[in-house]
């Protein structure tokens, strides 16, 4: 902060200009009103900047969180949202204490891209009431609600809100390509506001806003609502953690000298979400777009994000009457442009072309985000990714027959070598011996016939789980019931416990049929065959 406070303050002002229309729009879209959006941007923006784990992160209301909050408001009302926000904050604090931030790196890129694409579509559909100048439809399904509003608009069209929204969105999108450093969102909203109030045009506006922050209150607390709201709180907490850590990772990628602390970031978001409901704000999370603007504006420390919150507070105190004049259609246009800019078309196109599995995961996550809910979509995408990964790994697991002439020769003459080749077979297990591939091993092993000894070379087995150990034990028992002796070689120390604990190799260890190397196993097999040959010869010469 002491190194370049001027640049940080300038970055904070720039982000505040960008954040003002977004905070108003997301507050209204959530169902709690414009004031709730501003309060969230101020309180959460300041607290997350101070207590979070990133020097560049900017927090506040976001479109992704709005998508989750709309059905909560419809079912439980505004007080339910405040309760959910505080519960989610406490869950985030527990996650921070449990050091859960490190697990963010396990979220696959196709899931993130599909999640972002789905959110962008939902945000765009949520703007239908503002863009078309119609009241909010009933129900939770944004797609059905948007289609219903389009039918109503077609019956009695009022083109003023639609043209204002499209004009604001066009100015933002074109302006961002022409001069990325200029705050075209604020300029477009100001122009739309002047147009509406200096011309005969008529369209709904935000309305009067209180000059100042609401009085802190805990009147929304209801212990009896904890159970019914727990699933919603878990969803909000999961989304806050996912979006915040993703945003922090993006910020790190934009600066070579930055590394965020994921657990401290969860702590900062937890503190912010515990305090915000006391002032009537909606649940908050880090905002990727505002964070990117902060970095591009030259921010170096937390002072930038903290000053952005203070600038917004000054707007509330000094200019709330002017803010109340903003047309809702203009805010709808801002969020339409935001939804478009959320989607990195090049990244989506590249991922769709990479592999069929990545394309399936991306599309499935996007569709689930639109049809179900965000957390379910992420979990579904990760489950499908895990399944595809397991299938790929299981295909790499192989059971290869190894000719003894290719393996370690041992000290055997040509005659003894022929005897060994006739009665002994060696298999090398490559890759993981786990539940997804173990049964294929069982089928291949039990097809062995016309041999006396089977040597299983285990040195290239990467992992053994309970299923793999049980299936291997089953295969060994089936072979031994047919009179085939089974020997193991090259068993790694970290696999010994699983093999012995589940009975797979306990008997082999006890009777000395497990060897450090394959040559030792071949020598033992040679001795065993020689002893068997001697015993069979003695049986043939014994008088009957």
Protein backbone atom coordinates (compact mmCIF):
# COMPACT_ATOMS: atom_id res chain seq x y z
CA UNK A 1 0.00 0.00 0.00
CA UNK A 2 2.88 2.37 0.77
CA UNK A 3 4.61 1.54 -2.53
CA UNK A 4 2.07 3.11 -4.91
CA UNK A 5 -1.03 4.37 -3.08
CA UNK A 6 -1.90 6.73 -5.93
CA UNK A 7 -2.24 3.91 -8.46
CA UNK A 8 -4.28 1.84 -6.01
CA UNK A 9 -6.68 4.72 -5.33
CA UNK A 10 -7.09 5.41 -9.04
CA UNK A 11 -7.77 1.71 -9.68
CA UNK A 12 -10.33 1.74 -6.86
CA UNK A 13 -12.20 4.67 -8.41
CA UNK A 14 -12.17 2.96 -11.81
CA UNK A 15 -13.56 -0.28 -10.38
CA UNK A 16 -16.22 1.64 -8.44
CA UNK A 17 -17.44 3.28 -11.66
CA UNK A 18 -17.74 -0.17 -13.25
CA UNK A 19 -19.27 -1.73 -10.14
CA UNK A 20 -22.01 0.87 -9.55
CA UNK A 21 -24.41 -0.17 -12.34
CA UNK A 22 -23.60 -3.85 -11.76
CA UNK A 23 -24.39 -3.60 -8.05
CA UNK A 24 -27.68 -1.88 -8.78
CA UNK A 25 -28.59 -4.42 -11.46
CA UNK A 26 -27.69 -7.52 -9.48
CA UNK A 27 -29.49 -6.21 -6.41
CA UNK A 28 -32.70 -5.72 -8.37
CA UNK A 29 -32.31 -9.06 -10.19
CA UNK A 30 -31.93 -10.90 -6.88
CA UNK A 31 -35.31 -9.62 -5.72
CA UNK A 32 -34.03 -7.60 -2.73
CA UNK A 33 -33.72 -4.27 -4.54
CA UNK A 34 -31.03 -1.85 -5.70
CA UNK A 35 -30.13 -0.81 -2.16
CA UNK A 36 -29.27 -4.40 -1.24
CA UNK A 37 -26.87 -4.58 -4.18
CA UNK A 38 -25.13 -1.36 -3.18
CA UNK A 39 -24.87 -2.41 0.46
CA UNK A 40 -23.32 -5.71 -0.58
CA UNK A 41 -20.77 -4.02 -2.82
CA UNK A 42 -19.79 -1.63 -0.01
CA UNK A 43 -19.70 -3.89 3.04
CA UNK A 44 -18.55 -7.13 1.39
CA UNK A 45 -16.17 -5.28 -0.90
CA UNK A 46 -14.39 -3.68 2.06
CA UNK A 47 -14.35 -6.68 4.44
CA UNK A 48 -13.24 -9.19 1.79
CA UNK A 49 -10.47 -6.83 0.73
CA UNK A 50 -9.17 -6.54 4.30
CA UNK A 51 -9.55 -10.16 5.44
CA UNK A 52 -9.27 -12.06 2.14
CA UNK A 53 -6.31 -13.93 0.70
CA UNK A 54 -5.75 -11.96 -2.51
CA UNK A 55 -4.24 -8.51 -2.91
CA UNK A 56 -6.19 -7.87 -6.12
CA UNK A 57 -9.61 -9.43 -5.52
CA UNK A 58 -12.78 -7.30 -5.70
CA UNK A 59 -15.95 -8.71 -4.11
CA UNK A 60 -19.63 -7.85 -4.19
CA UNK A 61 -22.91 -9.06 -5.72
CA UNK A 62 -22.46 -11.19 -8.83
CA UNK A 63 -24.61 -12.65 -11.55
CA UNK A 64 -23.83 -16.23 -10.55
CA UNK A 65 -25.00 -15.59 -6.99
CA UNK A 66 -28.12 -13.82 -8.26
CA UNK A 67 -29.06 -16.98 -10.17
CA UNK A 68 -29.03 -18.94 -6.91
CA UNK A 69 -30.85 -16.27 -4.89
CA UNK A 70 -33.90 -15.80 -7.12
CA UNK A 71 -35.58 -19.11 -6.16
CA UNK A 72 -34.66 -18.59 -2.49
CA UNK A 73 -36.42 -15.21 -2.49
CA UNK A 74 -39.45 -16.76 -4.18
CA UNK A 75 -39.77 -19.52 -1.57
CA UNK A 76 -38.46 -17.97 1.67
CA UNK A 77 -38.69 -14.21 1.05
CA UNK A 78 -36.04 -11.53 1.70
CA UNK A 79 -35.49 -12.55 5.32
CA UNK A 80 -34.75 -16.09 4.14
CA UNK A 81 -32.02 -14.73 1.88
CA UNK A 82 -30.44 -12.81 4.77
CA UNK A 83 -30.53 -15.95 6.90
CA UNK A 84 -29.02 -18.03 4.09
CA UNK A 85 -26.26 -15.44 3.61
CA UNK A 86 -25.19 -15.57 7.26
CA UNK A 87 -25.32 -19.38 7.34
CA UNK A 88 -23.24 -19.52 4.16
CA UNK A 89 -20.69 -17.16 5.75
CA UNK A 90 -20.34 -19.48 8.74
CA UNK A 91 -19.89 -22.47 6.41
CA UNK A 92 -17.12 -20.60 4.58
CA UNK A 93 -15.38 -19.91 7.89
CA UNK A 94 -15.50 -23.63 8.68
CA UNK A 95 -14.08 -24.42 5.23
CA UNK A 96 -11.26 -21.95 5.83
CA UNK A 97 -10.51 -23.53 9.21
CA UNK A 98 -10.50 -26.99 7.57
CA UNK A 99 -8.11 -25.67 4.88
CA UNK A 100 -10.54 -26.51 2.09
CA UNK A 101 -9.24 -23.88 -0.33
CA UNK A 102 -6.56 -26.17 -1.74
CA UNK A 103 -9.17 -28.40 -3.38
CA UNK A 104 -10.14 -25.74 -5.91
CA UNK A 105 -7.40 -26.97 -8.23
CA UNK A 106 -9.31 -30.22 -8.72
CA UNK A 107 -12.17 -28.50 -10.58
CA UNK A 108 -11.61 -29.34 -14.28
CA UNK A 109 -11.42 -26.59 -16.89
CA UNK A 110 -14.39 -27.91 -18.97
CA UNK A 111 -16.58 -27.74 -15.85
CA UNK A 112 -15.54 -24.12 -15.25
CA UNK A 113 -16.15 -23.16 -18.89
CA UNK A 114 -19.55 -24.88 -18.97
CA UNK A 115 -20.47 -23.34 -15.64
CA UNK A 116 -19.57 -19.86 -16.89
CA UNK A 117 -21.44 -20.36 -20.16
CA UNK A 118 -24.57 -21.54 -18.33
CA UNK A 119 -24.43 -18.61 -15.90
CA UNK A 120 -24.12 -16.15 -18.79
CA UNK A 121 -27.26 -17.55 -20.42
CA UNK A 122 -29.20 -17.46 -17.14
CA UNK A 123 -28.14 -13.87 -16.44
CA UNK A 124 -29.26 -12.82 -19.92
CA UNK A 125 -32.65 -14.53 -19.48
CA UNK A 126 -33.12 -12.89 -16.08
CA UNK A 127 -33.05 -9.46 -17.73
CA UNK A 128 -36.20 -10.15 -19.77
CA UNK A 129 -38.52 -8.22 -17.39
CA UNK A 130 -36.28 -5.10 -17.48
CA UNK A 131 -35.52 -5.31 -21.20
CA UNK A 132 -39.17 -5.80 -22.19
CA UNK A 133 -40.59 -3.45 -19.56
CA UNK A 134 -42.85 -6.10 -18.02
CA UNK A 135 -43.40 -7.28 -14.42
CA UNK A 136 -41.42 -10.19 -13.01
CA UNK A 137 -43.03 -13.53 -13.98
CA UNK A 138 -43.99 -16.17 -11.42
CA UNK A 139 -42.04 -19.39 -11.05
CA UNK A 140 -38.37 -20.31 -10.71
CA UNK A 141 -37.52 -21.45 -14.24
CA UNK A 142 -35.87 -18.50 -15.97
CA UNK A 143 -36.23 -20.00 -19.45
CA UNK A 144 -39.98 -20.58 -19.06
CA UNK A 145 -40.38 -17.11 -17.53
CA UNK A 146 -38.48 -15.44 -20.37
CA UNK A 147 -40.59 -17.24 -23.01
CA UNK A 148 -43.77 -16.18 -21.20
CA UNK A 149 -42.61 -12.55 -21.20
CA UNK A 150 -41.78 -12.69 -24.91
CA UNK A 151 -45.33 -13.89 -25.65
CA UNK A 152 -46.79 -11.08 -23.53
CA UNK A 153 -44.54 -8.54 -25.25
CA UNK A 154 -45.57 -9.77 -28.69
CA UNK A 155 -49.24 -9.22 -27.82
CA UNK A 156 -48.70 -5.59 -26.76
CA UNK A 157 -45.14 -4.39 -27.55
CA UNK A 158 -43.53 -1.34 -25.93
CA UNK A 159 -40.27 -0.78 -27.79
CA UNK A 160 -38.77 1.88 -25.49
CA UNK A 161 -37.25 -0.44 -22.81
CA UNK A 162 -35.99 -2.89 -25.42
CA UNK A 163 -34.26 -0.21 -27.49
CA UNK A 164 -32.71 1.38 -24.38
CA UNK A 165 -31.38 -1.99 -23.17
CA UNK A 166 -29.97 -2.97 -26.56
CA UNK A 167 -28.44 0.48 -26.99
CA UNK A 168 -26.67 0.34 -23.62
CA UNK A 169 -25.43 -3.20 -24.32
CA UNK A 170 -24.17 -2.20 -27.77
CA UNK A 171 -22.30 0.84 -26.43
CA UNK A 172 -20.62 -1.32 -23.77
CA UNK A 173 -19.59 -4.09 -26.15
CA UNK A 174 -18.35 -1.84 -28.94
CA UNK A 175 -16.73 0.62 -26.54
CA UNK A 176 -14.85 -2.16 -24.73
CA UNK A 177 -13.17 -3.09 -28.02
CA UNK A 178 -12.47 0.51 -29.00
CA UNK A 179 -11.24 1.94 -25.68
CA UNK A 180 -11.09 -0.75 -22.96
CA UNK A 181 -9.96 1.74 -20.31
CA UNK A 182 -13.06 3.96 -20.51
CA UNK A 183 -16.08 3.19 -18.22
CA UNK A 184 -18.61 2.74 -21.03
CA UNK A 185 -21.11 1.05 -18.72
CA UNK A 186 -21.45 4.19 -16.60
CA UNK A 187 -21.44 6.47 -19.67
CA UNK A 188 -24.15 4.42 -21.36
CA UNK A 189 -26.33 4.33 -18.24
CA UNK A 190 -25.93 8.10 -17.75
CA UNK A 191 -26.85 8.75 -21.40
CA UNK A 192 -29.92 6.50 -21.14
CA UNK A 193 -31.01 8.26 -17.94
CA UNK A 194 -30.73 11.69 -19.56
CA UNK A 195 -32.57 10.47 -22.64
CA UNK A 196 -35.52 9.17 -20.61
CA UNK A 197 -35.84 12.27 -18.42
CA UNK A 198 -35.29 14.89 -21.15
CA UNK A 199 -37.64 13.34 -23.71
CA UNK A 200 -41.25 12.15 -23.82
CA UNK A 201 -40.07 8.53 -23.45
CA UNK A 202 -41.40 6.67 -20.43
CA UNK A 203 -39.97 3.56 -18.79
CA UNK A 204 -39.70 2.26 -15.18
CA UNK A 205 -36.77 3.54 -13.08
CA UNK A 206 -35.01 2.31 -9.94
CA UNK A 207 -36.93 4.67 -7.71
CA UNK A 208 -36.02 6.42 -4.47
CA UNK A 209 -33.05 5.13 -2.51
CA UNK A 210 -32.21 5.94 1.12
CA UNK A 211 -29.22 8.25 1.56
CA UNK A 212 -26.95 6.04 3.63
CA UNK A 213 -26.50 2.46 4.78
CA UNK A 214 -29.39 0.69 6.52
CA UNK A 215 -29.34 0.41 10.29
CA UNK A 216 -27.71 -2.87 11.41
CA UNK A 217 -30.31 -5.42 12.48
CA UNK A 218 -30.51 -9.09 13.46
CA UNK A 219 -34.29 -9.26 13.27
CA UNK A 220 -34.07 -11.73 10.37
CA UNK A 221 -32.56 -14.45 12.58
CA UNK A 222 -34.87 -17.43 13.00
CA UNK A 223 -33.35 -20.58 14.58
CA UNK A 224 -36.30 -22.68 13.43
CA UNK A 225 -35.44 -21.88 9.79
CA UNK A 226 -31.91 -23.32 9.96
CA UNK A 227 -33.03 -26.81 8.88
CA UNK A 228 -35.20 -25.77 5.91
CA UNK A 229 -32.55 -23.31 4.72
CA UNK A 230 -29.49 -25.53 5.16
CA UNK A 231 -29.45 -26.91 1.61
CA UNK A 232 -29.73 -23.38 0.19
CA UNK A 233 -26.93 -22.17 2.50
CA UNK A 234 -24.69 -25.02 1.37
CA UNK A 235 -25.37 -24.13 -2.26
CA UNK A 236 -24.58 -20.45 -1.66
CA UNK A 237 -21.40 -21.30 0.28
CA UNK A 238 -20.24 -23.72 -2.42
CA UNK A 239 -20.82 -21.13 -5.13
CA UNK A 240 -19.09 -18.38 -3.12
CA UNK A 241 -16.06 -20.60 -2.56
CA UNK A 242 -15.92 -21.76 -6.17
CA UNK A 243 -16.30 -18.34 -7.76
CA UNK A 244 -13.98 -16.57 -5.28
CA UNK A 245 -11.13 -19.05 -5.65
CA UNK A 246 -11.57 -19.13 -9.41
CA UNK A 247 -11.44 -15.33 -9.54
CA UNK A 248 -8.31 -15.27 -7.37
CA UNK A 249 -6.66 -17.79 -9.69
CA UNK A 250 -7.51 -15.60 -12.68
CA UNK A 251 -6.01 -12.58 -10.90
CA UNK A 252 -2.82 -14.51 -10.17
CA UNK A 253 -2.55 -15.44 -13.85
CA UNK A 254 -2.70 -11.76 -14.83
CA UNK A 255 0.27 -10.85 -12.62
CA UNK A 256 3.46 -12.89 -12.43
CA UNK A 257 4.29 -11.64 -8.92
CA UNK A 258 0.96 -12.58 -7.27
CA UNK A 259 -0.06 -15.70 -5.32
CA UNK A 260 -3.25 -15.79 -3.31
CA UNK A 261 -3.85 -17.74 -0.11
CA UNK A 262 -6.95 -19.88 -0.83
CA UNK A 263 -7.79 -20.62 2.81
CA UNK A 264 -7.49 -16.98 3.83
CA UNK A 265 -9.64 -16.04 0.84
CA UNK A 266 -12.37 -18.36 2.13
CA UNK A 267 -11.99 -16.72 5.53
CA UNK A 268 -12.41 -13.24 4.05
CA UNK A 269 -15.50 -14.26 2.09
CA UNK A 270 -16.89 -15.91 5.22
CA UNK A 271 -16.44 -12.74 7.29
CA UNK A 272 -18.04 -10.63 4.55
CA UNK A 273 -21.07 -12.91 4.24
CA UNK A 274 -21.61 -13.08 7.99
CA UNK A 275 -21.67 -9.25 8.27
CA UNK A 276 -23.47 -8.28 5.03
CA UNK A 277 -26.92 -9.66 6.04
CA UNK A 278 -26.85 -7.48 9.18
CA UNK A 279 -27.03 -4.46 6.84
CA UNK A 280 -29.64 -6.04 4.55
CA UNK A 281 -27.27 -7.10 1.77
CA UNK A 282 -27.32 -10.21 -0.39
CA UNK A 283 -24.69 -12.99 -0.23
CA UNK A 284 -21.47 -11.90 -1.90
CA UNK A 285 -18.57 -13.47 -3.69
CA UNK A 286 -15.53 -12.33 -5.63
CA UNK A 287 -16.35 -10.81 -9.01
CA UNK A 288 -14.12 -11.96 -11.86
CA UNK A 289 -14.96 -9.02 -14.16
CA UNK A 290 -14.33 -6.38 -11.48
CA UNK A 291 -11.18 -8.14 -10.35
CA UNK A 292 -9.87 -8.13 -13.93
CA UNK A 293 -10.61 -4.40 -14.23
CA UNK A 294 -8.80 -3.83 -10.94
CA UNK A 295 -5.67 -5.60 -12.19
CA UNK A 296 -5.72 -3.87 -15.57
CA UNK A 297 -6.07 -0.50 -13.83
CA UNK A 298 -2.72 -0.98 -12.11
CA UNK A 299 -3.77 -2.12 -8.62
CA UNK A 300 -0.95 -3.45 -6.44
CA UNK A 301 -2.55 -3.93 -3.03
CA UNK A 302 -5.79 -4.34 -1.10
CA UNK A 303 -6.11 -0.56 -0.96
CA UNK A 304 -7.65 -0.60 -4.45
CA UNK A 305 -10.52 -2.95 -3.56
CA UNK A 306 -11.07 -1.22 -0.20
CA UNK A 307 -11.16 2.24 -1.82
CA UNK A 308 -13.66 0.97 -4.43
CA UNK A 309 -16.04 0.18 -1.54
CA UNK A 310 -15.49 3.62 0.00
CA UNK A 311 -16.22 5.37 -3.32
CA UNK A 312 -19.49 3.45 -3.59
CA UNK A 313 -20.34 4.51 -0.02
CA UNK A 314 -19.81 8.15 -0.98
CA UNK A 315 -22.15 7.67 -3.97
CA UNK A 316 -24.85 6.33 -1.64
CA UNK A 317 -24.39 9.22 0.78
CA UNK A 318 -24.16 12.03 -1.80
CA UNK A 319 -25.85 10.92 -5.00
CA UNK A 320 -28.64 8.47 -4.12
CA UNK A 321 -31.38 10.73 -5.63
CA UNK A 322 -29.57 10.69 -8.97
CA UNK A 323 -29.10 6.91 -8.83
CA UNK A 324 -32.84 6.49 -8.31
CA UNK A 325 -33.49 8.07 -11.73
CA UNK A 326 -31.68 5.28 -13.65
CA UNK A 327 -34.03 3.30 -15.94
CA UNK A 328 -34.34 -0.40 -15.19
CA UNK A 329 -33.95 -1.09 -18.90
CA UNK A 330 -30.49 0.53 -18.82
CA UNK A 331 -29.40 -1.80 -16.00
CA UNK A 332 -30.82 -4.71 -18.00
CA UNK A 333 -28.62 -3.66 -20.90
CA UNK A 334 -25.57 -3.51 -18.62
CA UNK A 335 -26.19 -7.07 -17.45
CA UNK A 336 -26.86 -8.29 -21.00
CA UNK A 337 -23.44 -6.96 -22.05
CA UNK A 338 -21.90 -8.47 -18.92
CA UNK A 339 -23.37 -11.87 -19.82
CA UNK A 340 -21.94 -11.66 -23.33
CA UNK A 341 -18.49 -10.66 -22.07
CA UNK A 342 -18.43 -13.51 -19.55
CA UNK A 343 -18.13 -16.06 -22.36
CA UNK A 344 -14.66 -16.50 -23.85
CA UNK A 345 -15.70 -17.77 -27.28
CA UNK A 346 -12.18 -18.77 -28.28
CA UNK A 347 -11.69 -20.79 -25.10
CA UNK A 348 -15.06 -22.54 -25.46
CA UNK A 349 -14.37 -23.34 -29.13
CA UNK A 350 -10.91 -24.74 -28.32
CA UNK A 351 -12.26 -26.90 -25.52
CA UNK A 352 -15.05 -28.25 -27.70
CA UNK A 353 -12.41 -29.32 -30.22
CA UNK A 354 -9.91 -30.77 -27.73
CA UNK A 355 -11.50 -34.15 -26.86
CA UNK A 356 -14.96 -35.63 -27.03
CA UNK A 357 -15.00 -36.04 -23.26
CA UNK A 358 -14.19 -32.36 -22.64
CA UNK A 359 -16.94 -31.32 -25.06
CA UNK A 360 -19.48 -33.57 -23.32
CA UNK A 361 -18.57 -32.23 -19.87
CA UNK A 362 -18.73 -28.59 -21.02
CA UNK A 363 -22.13 -28.95 -22.70
CA UNK A 364 -23.57 -31.04 -19.88
CA UNK A 365 -22.46 -28.53 -17.23
CA UNK A 366 -23.87 -25.60 -19.21
CA UNK A 367 -27.23 -27.31 -19.77
CA UNK A 368 -27.45 -28.41 -16.12
CA UNK A 369 -26.70 -24.84 -15.01
CA UNK A 370 -29.63 -23.64 -17.08
CA UNK A 371 -32.04 -26.47 -16.26
CA UNK A 372 -31.13 -27.29 -12.63
CA UNK A 373 -28.95 -25.15 -10.37
CA UNK A 374 -25.33 -24.05 -10.30
CA UNK A 375 -23.98 -26.32 -7.56
CA UNK A 376 -25.73 -29.38 -8.99
CA UNK A 377 -24.31 -28.49 -12.40
CA UNK A 378 -20.74 -28.31 -11.05
CA UNK A 379 -21.13 -31.58 -9.12
CA UNK A 380 -22.61 -33.28 -12.18
CA UNK A 381 -19.81 -32.00 -14.40
CA UNK A 382 -17.16 -33.19 -11.95
CA UNK A 383 -18.84 -36.60 -11.63
CA UNK A 384 -18.84 -37.08 -15.41
CA UNK A 385 -15.22 -35.89 -15.60
CA UNK A 386 -14.24 -38.36 -12.88
CA UNK A 387 -16.01 -41.18 -14.72
CA UNK A 388 -14.25 -40.36 -17.99
CA UNK A 389 -10.90 -40.11 -16.21
CA UNK A 390 -11.41 -43.48 -14.51
CA UNK A 391 -12.35 -45.05 -17.82
CA UNK A 392 -9.21 -43.66 -19.42
CA UNK A 393 -7.01 -44.85 -16.55
CA UNK A 394 -8.61 -48.30 -16.54
CA UNK A 395 -7.83 -48.63 -20.24
CA UNK A 396 -4.16 -47.98 -19.49
CA UNK A 397 -4.12 -50.86 -17.00
CA UNK A 398 -2.83 -54.00 -18.78
CA UNK A 399 -2.02 -57.62 -18.08
CA UNK A 400 0.78 -58.69 -20.44
CA UNK A 401 2.15 -62.20 -20.82
CA UNK A 402 5.96 -62.13 -20.67
CA UNK A 403 8.02 -64.83 -22.31
CA UNK A 404 10.59 -66.16 -19.91
CA UNK A 405 13.20 -65.86 -22.62
CA UNK A 406 12.53 -62.10 -22.54
CA UNK A 407 12.63 -61.91 -18.80
CA UNK A 408 15.55 -62.50 -16.44
CA UNK A 409 17.12 -65.77 -17.60
CA UNK A 410 18.38 -67.16 -14.30
CA UNK A 411 21.03 -69.90 -14.21
CA UNK A 412 19.35 -72.59 -16.31
CA UNK A 413 20.61 -74.80 -19.09
CA UNK A 414 18.83 -75.27 -22.40
CA UNK A 415 17.01 -78.41 -21.24
CA UNK A 416 15.85 -76.82 -18.02
CA UNK A 417 14.86 -73.67 -19.95
CA UNK A 418 12.59 -75.74 -22.19
CA UNK A 419 11.06 -77.32 -19.10
CA UNK A 420 10.41 -73.90 -17.59
CA UNK A 421 8.89 -72.53 -20.80
CA UNK A 422 6.58 -75.52 -20.98
CA UNK A 423 5.25 -75.37 -17.42
CA UNK A 424 5.65 -71.73 -16.27
CA UNK A 425 3.93 -68.58 -17.49
CA UNK A 426 4.72 -65.04 -16.33
CA UNK A 427 2.40 -62.04 -16.45
CA UNK A 428 3.35 -58.41 -15.90
CA UNK A 429 0.68 -56.13 -14.40
CA UNK A 430 0.99 -52.53 -15.64
CA UNK A 431 -0.91 -49.56 -14.23
CA UNK A 432 -3.46 -49.37 -11.41
CA UNK A 433 -5.09 -52.48 -9.95
CA UNK A 434 -8.30 -50.78 -8.83
CA UNK A 435 -12.05 -51.18 -9.05
CA UNK A 436 -12.40 -49.87 -12.60
CA UNK A 437 -9.97 -52.39 -14.11
CA UNK A 438 -9.71 -55.25 -11.60
CA UNK A 439 -12.43 -57.50 -13.04
CA UNK A 440 -10.76 -57.49 -16.46
CA UNK A 441 -7.62 -58.81 -14.75
CA UNK A 442 -9.68 -61.57 -13.15
CA UNK A 443 -11.10 -62.72 -16.49
CA UNK A 444 -7.69 -62.75 -18.18
CA UNK A 445 -5.94 -64.55 -15.34
CA UNK A 446 -8.52 -67.29 -14.91
CA UNK A 447 -8.23 -68.18 -18.61
CA UNK A 448 -4.69 -69.48 -18.01
CA UNK A 449 -4.48 -73.21 -18.78
CA UNK A 450 -1.96 -76.07 -19.19
CA UNK A 451 0.70 -74.63 -16.89
CA UNK A 452 1.98 -75.56 -13.46
CA UNK A 453 3.19 -72.18 -12.18
CA UNK A 454 1.99 -68.61 -12.77
CA UNK A 455 4.33 -65.76 -11.85
CA UNK A 456 2.70 -62.34 -11.41
CA UNK A 457 5.18 -59.50 -11.80
CA UNK A 458 3.82 -56.60 -9.69
CA UNK A 459 6.66 -54.07 -9.92
CA UNK A 460 4.79 -51.87 -12.42
CA UNK A 461 1.51 -51.75 -10.52
CA UNK A 462 0.97 -48.09 -9.63
CA UNK A 463 -1.77 -48.51 -7.04
CA UNK A 464 -3.88 -51.22 -5.40
CA UNK A 465 -7.28 -50.54 -3.82
CA UNK A 466 -9.59 -52.83 -1.86
CA UNK A 467 -11.45 -54.04 -4.95
CA UNK A 468 -8.22 -54.76 -6.79
CA UNK A 469 -6.83 -56.72 -3.84
CA UNK A 470 -10.03 -58.76 -3.45
CA UNK A 471 -10.24 -59.54 -7.17
CA UNK A 472 -6.57 -60.55 -7.26
CA UNK A 473 -7.16 -62.84 -4.26
CA UNK A 474 -10.14 -64.40 -6.03
CA UNK A 475 -8.06 -65.06 -9.14
CA UNK A 476 -5.29 -66.65 -7.06
CA UNK A 477 -7.80 -68.96 -5.32
CA UNK A 478 -9.32 -70.06 -8.64
CA UNK A 479 -5.90 -70.87 -10.08
CA UNK A 480 -4.83 -72.78 -6.99
CA UNK A 481 -8.04 -74.85 -7.02
CA UNK A 482 -6.95 -76.03 -10.47
CA UNK A 483 -3.57 -77.07 -9.08
CA UNK A 484 -1.65 -74.07 -10.44
CA UNK A 485 0.92 -72.55 -8.09
CA UNK A 486 0.90 -68.74 -8.01
CA UNK A 487 4.01 -66.69 -7.20
CA UNK A 488 4.30 -62.93 -6.81
CA UNK A 489 7.39 -60.83 -7.57
CA UNK A 490 8.27 -57.16 -7.16
CA UNK A 491 5.45 -56.29 -4.74
CA UNK A 492 5.96 -52.70 -3.58
CA UNK A 493 5.95 -52.08 0.18
CA UNK A 494 3.01 -49.66 -0.04
CA UNK A 495 0.92 -52.37 -1.75
CA UNK A 496 1.75 -55.13 0.72
CA UNK A 497 -0.70 -53.87 3.34
CA UNK A 498 -3.70 -53.91 1.00
CA UNK A 499 -2.82 -57.34 -0.35
CA UNK A 500 -2.37 -58.92 3.07
CA UNK A 501 -5.15 -57.09 4.95
CA UNK A 502 -7.82 -58.27 2.50
CA UNK A 503 -6.53 -61.83 2.32
CA UNK A 504 -5.36 -61.61 -1.28
CA UNK A 505 -1.73 -62.36 -0.64
CA UNK A 506 -1.70 -63.35 3.03
CA UNK A 507 -1.31 -67.09 2.27
CA UNK A 508 1.39 -66.41 -0.33
CA UNK A 509 3.36 -64.31 2.15
CA UNK A 510 2.99 -66.96 4.84
CA UNK A 511 4.28 -69.80 2.70
CA UNK A 512 7.09 -67.79 1.10
CA UNK A 513 5.62 -67.44 -2.39
CA UNK A 514 6.34 -63.70 -2.65
CA UNK A 515 9.76 -62.64 -3.99
CA UNK A 516 11.62 -59.38 -4.41
CA UNK A 517 12.56 -60.09 -8.03
CA UNK A 518 11.41 -62.24 -10.93
CA UNK A 519 14.70 -64.26 -11.18
CA UNK A 520 14.15 -65.39 -7.56
CA UNK A 521 10.61 -66.45 -8.43
CA UNK A 522 11.86 -68.37 -11.49
CA UNK A 523 14.48 -70.15 -9.39
CA UNK A 524 11.81 -71.11 -6.88
CA UNK A 525 9.54 -72.34 -9.69
CA UNK A 526 12.42 -74.42 -11.08
CA UNK A 527 13.02 -76.03 -7.70
CA UNK A 528 9.29 -76.64 -7.28
CA UNK A 529 8.97 -78.32 -10.69
CA UNK A 530 12.03 -80.45 -10.02
CA UNK A 531 10.58 -81.59 -6.68
CA UNK A 532 7.25 -82.35 -8.32
CA UNK A 533 9.03 -84.34 -11.04
CA UNK A 534 10.92 -86.35 -8.45
CA UNK A 535 7.72 -87.10 -6.52
CA UNK A 536 5.87 -88.15 -9.69
CA UNK A 537 8.73 -90.45 -10.70
CA UNK A 538 8.72 -92.02 -7.23
CA UNK A 539 4.97 -92.61 -7.46
CA UNK A 540 5.39 -94.37 -10.83
CA UNK A 541 8.06 -96.79 -9.46
CA UNK A 542 6.23 -97.58 -6.25
CA UNK A 543 4.65 -101.13 -6.46
CA UNK A 544 0.87 -101.17 -6.24
